[in-house]
């Protein structure tokens, strides 16, 4: 019932906005066209939030939190922006961005799992640290545009960001519903001590979870810069709150 109520509320809100904007709401096809257009308009801009929310869900399941996601996205994008566009970009900057993203995520995981630092304290510190590194890399400059994604608008008008979000959400949902990993993460989030006694590799699972967050920060950074074509030291500031809410 709660899901139905939320869907009804969402449709009513869209109907109000459509009426104010003068959209044709006199027929079912008009309503569907409006919803389709708004959906396709909103998703590319929200792609980083939607992508990172998949990883944040895993982190929250382990009774953790990652406040550094915005800074990770900015730092990964800043590192990739050091390379010029072109075909060589895909063989240099993109793999390097993945390495940086995974490294940042593993560093967060090490603080939480190995050093037993509370997640909110650990990631609050790395949020500031990563943002500082981003400022050092960018040197108060903005680089735009530094690369272009061929066919970013493709598949009959569906954007590359929309396809990416769909793939990540689909893979994440399939994996979550069919893996032993899910049960172990739930055990870790419920009680770490009990999880250890049950034979769950708690530290490894925490490291893996934050590493996934780093990978998704890389994917989100690629989508963000492909759409906006620019990055600076303040990129994705405050994004972590949107991701947590999503």
C-alpha atoms as a PDB file:
ATOM      1  CA  UNK A   1       0.000   0.000   0.000  1.00  0.00           C
ATOM      2  CA  UNK A   2       2.825   2.378   0.785  1.00  0.00           C
ATOM      3  CA  UNK A   3       4.367   1.877  -2.664  1.00  0.00           C
ATOM      4  CA  UNK A   4       1.007   2.411  -4.360  1.00  0.00           C
ATOM      5  CA  UNK A   5       0.430   5.586  -2.360  1.00  0.00           C
ATOM      6  CA  UNK A   6       3.853   6.932  -3.356  1.00  0.00           C
ATOM      7  CA  UNK A   7       3.231   6.154  -7.025  1.00  0.00           C
ATOM      8  CA  UNK A   8      -0.159   7.872  -6.927  1.00  0.00           C
ATOM      9  CA  UNK A   9       1.398  10.901  -5.239  1.00  0.00           C
ATOM     10  CA  UNK A  10       4.150  11.024  -7.867  1.00  0.00           C
ATOM     11  CA  UNK A  11       1.639  10.894 -10.727  1.00  0.00           C
ATOM     12  CA  UNK A  12      -0.445  13.653  -9.119  1.00  0.00           C
ATOM     13  CA  UNK A  13       2.623  15.858  -8.713  1.00  0.00           C
ATOM     14  CA  UNK A  14       3.594  15.354 -12.346  1.00  0.00           C
ATOM     15  CA  UNK A  15       0.033  16.127 -13.395  1.00  0.00           C
ATOM     16  CA  UNK A  16       0.114  19.418 -11.482  1.00  0.00           C
ATOM     17  CA  UNK A  17       3.447  20.406 -13.035  1.00  0.00           C
ATOM     18  CA  UNK A  18       2.181  19.445 -16.485  1.00  0.00           C
ATOM     19  CA  UNK A  19      -0.948  21.561 -16.043  1.00  0.00           C
ATOM     20  CA  UNK A  20       1.117  24.556 -14.984  1.00  0.00           C
ATOM     21  CA  UNK A  21       3.467  24.124 -17.949  1.00  0.00           C
ATOM     22  CA  UNK A  22       0.555  23.881 -20.390  1.00  0.00           C
ATOM     23  CA  UNK A  23       1.145  20.286 -21.471  1.00  0.00           C
ATOM     24  CA  UNK A  24      -1.651  18.313 -23.112  1.00  0.00           C
ATOM     25  CA  UNK A  25      -3.253  16.247 -20.335  1.00  0.00           C
ATOM     26  CA  UNK A  26      -6.625  15.686 -21.986  1.00  0.00           C
ATOM     27  CA  UNK A  27      -5.824  12.142 -23.085  1.00  0.00           C
ATOM     28  CA  UNK A  28      -3.954   9.128 -21.839  1.00  0.00           C
ATOM     29  CA  UNK A  29      -1.462   9.412 -24.706  1.00  0.00           C
ATOM     30  CA  UNK A  30      -0.774  13.038 -23.785  1.00  0.00           C
ATOM     31  CA  UNK A  31      -0.075  12.087 -20.187  1.00  0.00           C
ATOM     32  CA  UNK A  32       2.187   9.219 -21.226  1.00  0.00           C
ATOM     33  CA  UNK A  33       4.089  11.417 -23.679  1.00  0.00           C
ATOM     34  CA  UNK A  34       4.626  14.027 -20.992  1.00  0.00           C
ATOM     35  CA  UNK A  35       5.834  11.440 -18.481  1.00  0.00           C
ATOM     36  CA  UNK A  36       8.150   9.907 -21.066  1.00  0.00           C
ATOM     37  CA  UNK A  37       9.670  13.264 -22.012  1.00  0.00           C
ATOM     38  CA  UNK A  38      10.183  14.294 -18.401  1.00  0.00           C
ATOM     39  CA  UNK A  39      11.689  10.928 -17.560  1.00  0.00           C
ATOM     40  CA  UNK A  40      14.150  11.136 -20.432  1.00  0.00           C
ATOM     41  CA  UNK A  41      15.004  14.732 -19.501  1.00  0.00           C
ATOM     42  CA  UNK A  42      15.565  14.052 -15.814  1.00  0.00           C
ATOM     43  CA  UNK A  43      17.503  10.794 -15.859  1.00  0.00           C
ATOM     44  CA  UNK A  44      20.688  12.044 -17.608  1.00  0.00           C
ATOM     45  CA  UNK A  45      21.080  14.817 -15.044  1.00  0.00           C
ATOM     46  CA  UNK A  46      20.328  12.465 -12.162  1.00  0.00           C
ATOM     47  CA  UNK A  47      22.533   9.658 -13.478  1.00  0.00           C
ATOM     48  CA  UNK A  48      25.411  10.242 -11.003  1.00  0.00           C
ATOM     49  CA  UNK A  49      22.985  10.232  -8.068  1.00  0.00           C
ATOM     50  CA  UNK A  50      21.195   7.105  -9.282  1.00  0.00           C
ATOM     51  CA  UNK A  51      24.434   5.256  -9.946  1.00  0.00           C
ATOM     52  CA  UNK A  52      25.984   6.127  -6.606  1.00  0.00           C
ATOM     53  CA  UNK A  53      22.777   5.273  -4.764  1.00  0.00           C
ATOM     54  CA  UNK A  54      23.223   1.637  -5.831  1.00  0.00           C
ATOM     55  CA  UNK A  55      26.552   1.480  -4.029  1.00  0.00           C
ATOM     56  CA  UNK A  56      25.286   3.545  -1.115  1.00  0.00           C
ATOM     57  CA  UNK A  57      22.542   0.976  -0.570  1.00  0.00           C
ATOM     58  CA  UNK A  58      25.174  -1.701  -0.040  1.00  0.00           C
ATOM     59  CA  UNK A  59      27.100   0.522   2.355  1.00  0.00           C
ATOM     60  CA  UNK A  60      23.973   1.334   4.356  1.00  0.00           C
ATOM     61  CA  UNK A  61      23.107  -2.358   4.593  1.00  0.00           C
ATOM     62  CA  UNK A  62      26.398  -2.905   6.438  1.00  0.00           C
ATOM     63  CA  UNK A  63      25.344  -0.222   8.964  1.00  0.00           C
ATOM     64  CA  UNK A  64      27.811   2.168   7.363  1.00  0.00           C
ATOM     65  CA  UNK A  65      27.712   5.384   5.385  1.00  0.00           C
ATOM     66  CA  UNK A  66      29.933   6.997   2.775  1.00  0.00           C
ATOM     67  CA  UNK A  67      30.064  10.784   2.904  1.00  0.00           C
ATOM     68  CA  UNK A  68      32.946  10.977   0.443  1.00  0.00           C
ATOM     69  CA  UNK A  69      31.080   9.965  -2.725  1.00  0.00           C
ATOM     70  CA  UNK A  70      30.889  13.505  -4.094  1.00  0.00           C
ATOM     71  CA  UNK A  71      34.573  14.119  -3.470  1.00  0.00           C
ATOM     72  CA  UNK A  72      35.455  10.746  -5.018  1.00  0.00           C
ATOM     73  CA  UNK A  73      33.492  11.591  -8.149  1.00  0.00           C
ATOM     74  CA  UNK A  74      35.201  14.984  -8.394  1.00  0.00           C
ATOM     75  CA  UNK A  75      38.689  13.561  -7.860  1.00  0.00           C
ATOM     76  CA  UNK A  76      38.219  10.770 -10.404  1.00  0.00           C
ATOM     77  CA  UNK A  77      36.894  13.282 -12.944  1.00  0.00           C
ATOM     78  CA  UNK A  78      39.787  15.644 -12.180  1.00  0.00           C
ATOM     79  CA  UNK A  79      42.348  12.893 -12.769  1.00  0.00           C
ATOM     80  CA  UNK A  80      40.730  11.930 -16.071  1.00  0.00           C
ATOM     81  CA  UNK A  81      40.653  15.588 -17.119  1.00  0.00           C
ATOM     82  CA  UNK A  82      44.463  15.666 -17.092  1.00  0.00           C
ATOM     83  CA  UNK A  83      44.410  13.778 -20.393  1.00  0.00           C
ATOM     84  CA  UNK A  84      43.435  15.248 -23.732  1.00  0.00           C
ATOM     85  CA  UNK A  85      40.470  13.893 -25.608  1.00  0.00           C
ATOM     86  CA  UNK A  86      40.749  11.500 -28.502  1.00  0.00           C
ATOM     87  CA  UNK A  87      41.126   7.792 -28.974  1.00  0.00           C
ATOM     88  CA  UNK A  88      44.086   7.550 -26.583  1.00  0.00           C
ATOM     89  CA  UNK A  89      41.859   8.905 -23.829  1.00  0.00           C
ATOM     90  CA  UNK A  90      39.998   5.600 -23.641  1.00  0.00           C
ATOM     91  CA  UNK A  91      43.227   3.663 -23.143  1.00  0.00           C
ATOM     92  CA  UNK A  92      44.771   6.002 -20.581  1.00  0.00           C
ATOM     93  CA  UNK A  93      42.393   8.253 -18.666  1.00  0.00           C
ATOM     94  CA  UNK A  94      39.449   5.869 -18.372  1.00  0.00           C
ATOM     95  CA  UNK A  95      41.443   2.910 -16.960  1.00  0.00           C
ATOM     96  CA  UNK A  96      43.355   5.293 -14.688  1.00  0.00           C
ATOM     97  CA  UNK A  97      40.063   6.721 -13.454  1.00  0.00           C
ATOM     98  CA  UNK A  98      38.903   3.202 -12.598  1.00  0.00           C
ATOM     99  CA  UNK A  99      42.116   2.524 -10.672  1.00  0.00           C
ATOM    100  CA  UNK A 100      41.765   5.796  -8.772  1.00  0.00           C
ATOM    101  CA  UNK A 101      38.105   5.106  -7.955  1.00  0.00           C
ATOM    102  CA  UNK A 102      38.813   1.607  -6.661  1.00  0.00           C
ATOM    103  CA  UNK A 103      41.792   2.892  -4.692  1.00  0.00           C
ATOM    104  CA  UNK A 104      39.737   5.594  -3.006  1.00  0.00           C
ATOM    105  CA  UNK A 105      37.019   3.098  -2.142  1.00  0.00           C
ATOM    106  CA  UNK A 106      39.515   0.602  -0.739  1.00  0.00           C
ATOM    107  CA  UNK A 107      41.086   3.339   1.375  1.00  0.00           C
ATOM    108  CA  UNK A 108      37.680   4.073   2.886  1.00  0.00           C
ATOM    109  CA  UNK A 109      37.136   0.370   3.434  1.00  0.00           C
ATOM    110  CA  UNK A 110      40.511  -0.029   5.122  1.00  0.00           C
ATOM    111  CA  UNK A 111      39.717   2.748   7.576  1.00  0.00           C
ATOM    112  CA  UNK A 112      36.390   1.148   8.462  1.00  0.00           C
ATOM    113  CA  UNK A 113      37.349  -2.540   8.371  1.00  0.00           C
ATOM    114  CA  UNK A 114      41.012  -2.653   9.347  1.00  0.00           C
ATOM    115  CA  UNK A 115      41.319   0.346  11.663  1.00  0.00           C
ATOM    116  CA  UNK A 116      37.761   0.042  12.995  1.00  0.00           C
ATOM    117  CA  UNK A 117      37.060   3.751  12.492  1.00  0.00           C
ATOM    118  CA  UNK A 118      33.316   4.557  12.575  1.00  0.00           C
ATOM    119  CA  UNK A 119      32.132   4.926   8.958  1.00  0.00           C
ATOM    120  CA  UNK A 120      30.724   8.424   9.436  1.00  0.00           C
ATOM    121  CA  UNK A 121      34.021   9.631  10.926  1.00  0.00           C
ATOM    122  CA  UNK A 122      36.195   7.848   8.364  1.00  0.00           C
ATOM    123  CA  UNK A 123      34.298   9.041   5.308  1.00  0.00           C
ATOM    124  CA  UNK A 124      33.836  12.558   6.666  1.00  0.00           C
ATOM    125  CA  UNK A 125      37.611  12.786   6.907  1.00  0.00           C
ATOM    126  CA  UNK A 126      38.177  11.327   3.449  1.00  0.00           C
ATOM    127  CA  UNK A 127      35.510  13.632   2.019  1.00  0.00           C
ATOM    128  CA  UNK A 128      37.645  16.608   3.042  1.00  0.00           C
ATOM    129  CA  UNK A 129      40.884  14.856   2.063  1.00  0.00           C
ATOM    130  CA  UNK A 130      39.697  13.857  -1.412  1.00  0.00           C
ATOM    131  CA  UNK A 131      38.276  17.317  -2.037  1.00  0.00           C
ATOM    132  CA  UNK A 132      41.644  18.803  -1.125  1.00  0.00           C
ATOM    133  CA  UNK A 133      43.393  16.450  -3.541  1.00  0.00           C
ATOM    134  CA  UNK A 134      40.912  17.484  -6.227  1.00  0.00           C
ATOM    135  CA  UNK A 135      41.793  21.135  -5.643  1.00  0.00           C
ATOM    136  CA  UNK A 136      45.489  20.299  -5.964  1.00  0.00           C
ATOM    137  CA  UNK A 137      44.889  18.485  -9.242  1.00  0.00           C
ATOM    138  CA  UNK A 138      42.677  21.196 -10.716  1.00  0.00           C
ATOM    139  CA  UNK A 139      44.687  24.170  -9.359  1.00  0.00           C
ATOM    140  CA  UNK A 140      41.569  26.355  -9.213  1.00  0.00           C
ATOM    141  CA  UNK A 141      40.980  25.844 -12.939  1.00  0.00           C
ATOM    142  CA  UNK A 142      38.166  24.362 -14.991  1.00  0.00           C
ATOM    143  CA  UNK A 143      38.797  22.013 -17.857  1.00  0.00           C
ATOM    144  CA  UNK A 144      36.128  21.891 -20.529  1.00  0.00           C
ATOM    145  CA  UNK A 145      35.488  19.994 -22.655  1.00  0.00           C
ATOM    146  CA  UNK A 146      38.199  17.385 -22.222  1.00  0.00           C
ATOM    147  CA  UNK A 147      36.533  14.408 -23.850  1.00  0.00           C
ATOM    148  CA  UNK A 148      33.483  13.414 -25.791  1.00  0.00           C
ATOM    149  CA  UNK A 149      31.532  10.190 -25.725  1.00  0.00           C
ATOM    150  CA  UNK A 150      30.579   9.058 -29.248  1.00  0.00           C
ATOM    151  CA  UNK A 151      26.900   8.200 -29.446  1.00  0.00           C
ATOM    152  CA  UNK A 152      26.044   9.609 -26.033  1.00  0.00           C
ATOM    153  CA  UNK A 153      22.554  10.180 -27.484  1.00  0.00           C
ATOM    154  CA  UNK A 154      21.620   6.888 -29.075  1.00  0.00           C
ATOM    155  CA  UNK A 155      19.225   3.948 -29.102  1.00  0.00           C
ATOM    156  CA  UNK A 156      16.240   5.843 -30.421  1.00  0.00           C
ATOM    157  CA  UNK A 157      16.732   8.940 -28.308  1.00  0.00           C
ATOM    158  CA  UNK A 158      17.698   7.161 -25.102  1.00  0.00           C
ATOM    159  CA  UNK A 159      20.810   8.726 -23.652  1.00  0.00           C
ATOM    160  CA  UNK A 160      23.919   6.810 -22.752  1.00  0.00           C
ATOM    161  CA  UNK A 161      23.397   7.844 -19.139  1.00  0.00           C
ATOM    162  CA  UNK A 162      19.940   6.256 -19.111  1.00  0.00           C
ATOM    163  CA  UNK A 163      21.278   3.006 -20.530  1.00  0.00           C
ATOM    164  CA  UNK A 164      24.149   3.017 -18.020  1.00  0.00           C
ATOM    165  CA  UNK A 165      21.799   3.560 -15.086  1.00  0.00           C
ATOM    166  CA  UNK A 166      19.533   0.775 -16.312  1.00  0.00           C
ATOM    167  CA  UNK A 167      22.416  -1.665 -16.694  1.00  0.00           C
ATOM    168  CA  UNK A 168      23.915  -0.898 -13.279  1.00  0.00           C
ATOM    169  CA  UNK A 169      20.533  -1.077 -11.548  1.00  0.00           C
ATOM    170  CA  UNK A 170      19.663  -4.311 -13.352  1.00  0.00           C
ATOM    171  CA  UNK A 171      22.958  -6.012 -12.544  1.00  0.00           C
ATOM    172  CA  UNK A 172      22.817  -4.768  -8.966  1.00  0.00           C
ATOM    173  CA  UNK A 173      19.262  -6.003  -8.494  1.00  0.00           C
ATOM    174  CA  UNK A 174      19.987  -9.402 -10.025  1.00  0.00           C
ATOM    175  CA  UNK A 175      23.137  -9.873  -7.973  1.00  0.00           C
ATOM    176  CA  UNK A 176      21.459  -8.717  -4.773  1.00  0.00           C
ATOM    177  CA  UNK A 177      18.564 -11.099  -5.195  1.00  0.00           C
ATOM    178  CA  UNK A 178      20.585 -14.220  -5.974  1.00  0.00           C
ATOM    179  CA  UNK A 179      23.858 -14.062  -4.114  1.00  0.00           C
ATOM    180  CA  UNK A 180      25.171 -15.299  -0.818  1.00  0.00           C
ATOM    181  CA  UNK A 181      26.922 -11.936  -0.601  1.00  0.00           C
ATOM    182  CA  UNK A 182      23.609 -10.288   0.267  1.00  0.00           C
ATOM    183  CA  UNK A 183      23.038 -12.497   3.301  1.00  0.00           C
ATOM    184  CA  UNK A 184      26.554 -11.908   4.527  1.00  0.00           C
ATOM    185  CA  UNK A 185      26.217  -8.134   4.169  1.00  0.00           C
ATOM    186  CA  UNK A 186      22.980  -8.244   6.142  1.00  0.00           C
ATOM    187  CA  UNK A 187      24.740 -10.210   8.868  1.00  0.00           C
ATOM    188  CA  UNK A 188      27.580  -7.691   8.935  1.00  0.00           C
ATOM    189  CA  UNK A 189      25.113  -4.841   9.259  1.00  0.00           C
ATOM    190  CA  UNK A 190      23.170  -6.592  11.991  1.00  0.00           C
ATOM    191  CA  UNK A 191      26.030  -7.622  14.242  1.00  0.00           C
ATOM    192  CA  UNK A 192      29.682  -7.800  13.204  1.00  0.00           C
ATOM    193  CA  UNK A 193      30.713  -9.973  16.143  1.00  0.00           C
ATOM    194  CA  UNK A 194      27.971 -12.505  15.454  1.00  0.00           C
ATOM    195  CA  UNK A 195      28.837 -12.425  11.751  1.00  0.00           C
ATOM    196  CA  UNK A 196      32.455 -13.307  12.549  1.00  0.00           C
ATOM    197  CA  UNK A 197      31.345 -16.207  14.731  1.00  0.00           C
ATOM    198  CA  UNK A 198      29.148 -17.367  11.849  1.00  0.00           C
ATOM    199  CA  UNK A 199      32.196 -17.529   9.602  1.00  0.00           C
ATOM    200  CA  UNK A 200      31.507 -14.388   7.568  1.00  0.00           C
ATOM    201  CA  UNK A 201      34.699 -12.618   6.396  1.00  0.00           C
ATOM    202  CA  UNK A 202      33.557  -9.274   7.785  1.00  0.00           C
ATOM    203  CA  UNK A 203      36.616  -7.208   6.870  1.00  0.00           C
ATOM    204  CA  UNK A 204      36.669  -8.531   3.312  1.00  0.00           C
ATOM    205  CA  UNK A 205      32.978  -7.828   2.799  1.00  0.00           C
ATOM    206  CA  UNK A 206      33.374  -4.278   4.070  1.00  0.00           C
ATOM    207  CA  UNK A 207      36.369  -3.710   1.800  1.00  0.00           C
ATOM    208  CA  UNK A 208      34.438  -5.090  -1.172  1.00  0.00           C
ATOM    209  CA  UNK A 209      31.456  -2.867  -0.428  1.00  0.00           C
ATOM    210  CA  UNK A 210      33.497   0.319  -0.354  1.00  0.00           C
ATOM    211  CA  UNK A 211      35.431  -0.820  -3.436  1.00  0.00           C
ATOM    212  CA  UNK A 212      32.116  -1.140  -5.297  1.00  0.00           C
ATOM    213  CA  UNK A 213      31.371   2.406  -4.177  1.00  0.00           C
ATOM    214  CA  UNK A 214      34.648   3.494  -5.766  1.00  0.00           C
ATOM    215  CA  UNK A 215      33.846   1.723  -9.039  1.00  0.00           C
ATOM    216  CA  UNK A 216      30.451   3.405  -9.198  1.00  0.00           C
ATOM    217  CA  UNK A 217      32.095   6.762  -8.436  1.00  0.00           C
ATOM    218  CA  UNK A 218      34.199   6.186 -11.557  1.00  0.00           C
ATOM    219  CA  UNK A 219      31.135   5.300 -13.648  1.00  0.00           C
ATOM    220  CA  UNK A 220      29.271   8.326 -12.287  1.00  0.00           C
ATOM    221  CA  UNK A 221      32.253  10.593 -12.995  1.00  0.00           C
ATOM    222  CA  UNK A 222      32.361   9.375 -16.589  1.00  0.00           C
ATOM    223  CA  UNK A 223      28.623  10.022 -17.059  1.00  0.00           C
ATOM    224  CA  UNK A 224      28.862  13.421 -15.363  1.00  0.00           C
ATOM    225  CA  UNK A 225      31.748  14.686 -17.462  1.00  0.00           C
ATOM    226  CA  UNK A 226      30.352  13.185 -20.671  1.00  0.00           C
ATOM    227  CA  UNK A 227      27.170  15.181 -20.171  1.00  0.00           C
ATOM    228  CA  UNK A 228      28.589  18.400 -18.744  1.00  0.00           C
ATOM    229  CA  UNK A 229      31.922  18.420 -20.556  1.00  0.00           C
ATOM    230  CA  UNK A 230      33.644  20.211 -17.678  1.00  0.00           C
ATOM    231  CA  UNK A 231      35.029  19.611 -14.229  1.00  0.00           C
ATOM    232  CA  UNK A 232      36.377  21.863 -11.495  1.00  0.00           C
ATOM    233  CA  UNK A 233      37.329  21.628  -7.834  1.00  0.00           C
ATOM    234  CA  UNK A 234      33.736  22.176  -6.678  1.00  0.00           C
ATOM    235  CA  UNK A 235      32.220  19.482  -8.895  1.00  0.00           C
ATOM    236  CA  UNK A 236      29.621  17.318  -7.099  1.00  0.00           C
ATOM    237  CA  UNK A 237      29.809  19.342  -3.890  1.00  0.00           C
ATOM    238  CA  UNK A 238      26.963  18.230  -1.619  1.00  0.00           C
ATOM    239  CA  UNK A 239      26.148  15.250  -3.836  1.00  0.00           C
ATOM    240  CA  UNK A 240      26.489  12.824  -0.929  1.00  0.00           C
ATOM    241  CA  UNK A 241      23.274  14.055   0.697  1.00  0.00           C
ATOM    242  CA  UNK A 242      21.296  13.462  -2.494  1.00  0.00           C
ATOM    243  CA  UNK A 243      22.778   9.994  -2.835  1.00  0.00           C
ATOM    244  CA  UNK A 244      21.914   9.050   0.742  1.00  0.00           C
ATOM    245  CA  UNK A 245      18.337  10.266   0.341  1.00  0.00           C
ATOM    246  CA  UNK A 246      17.976   8.441  -2.994  1.00  0.00           C
END
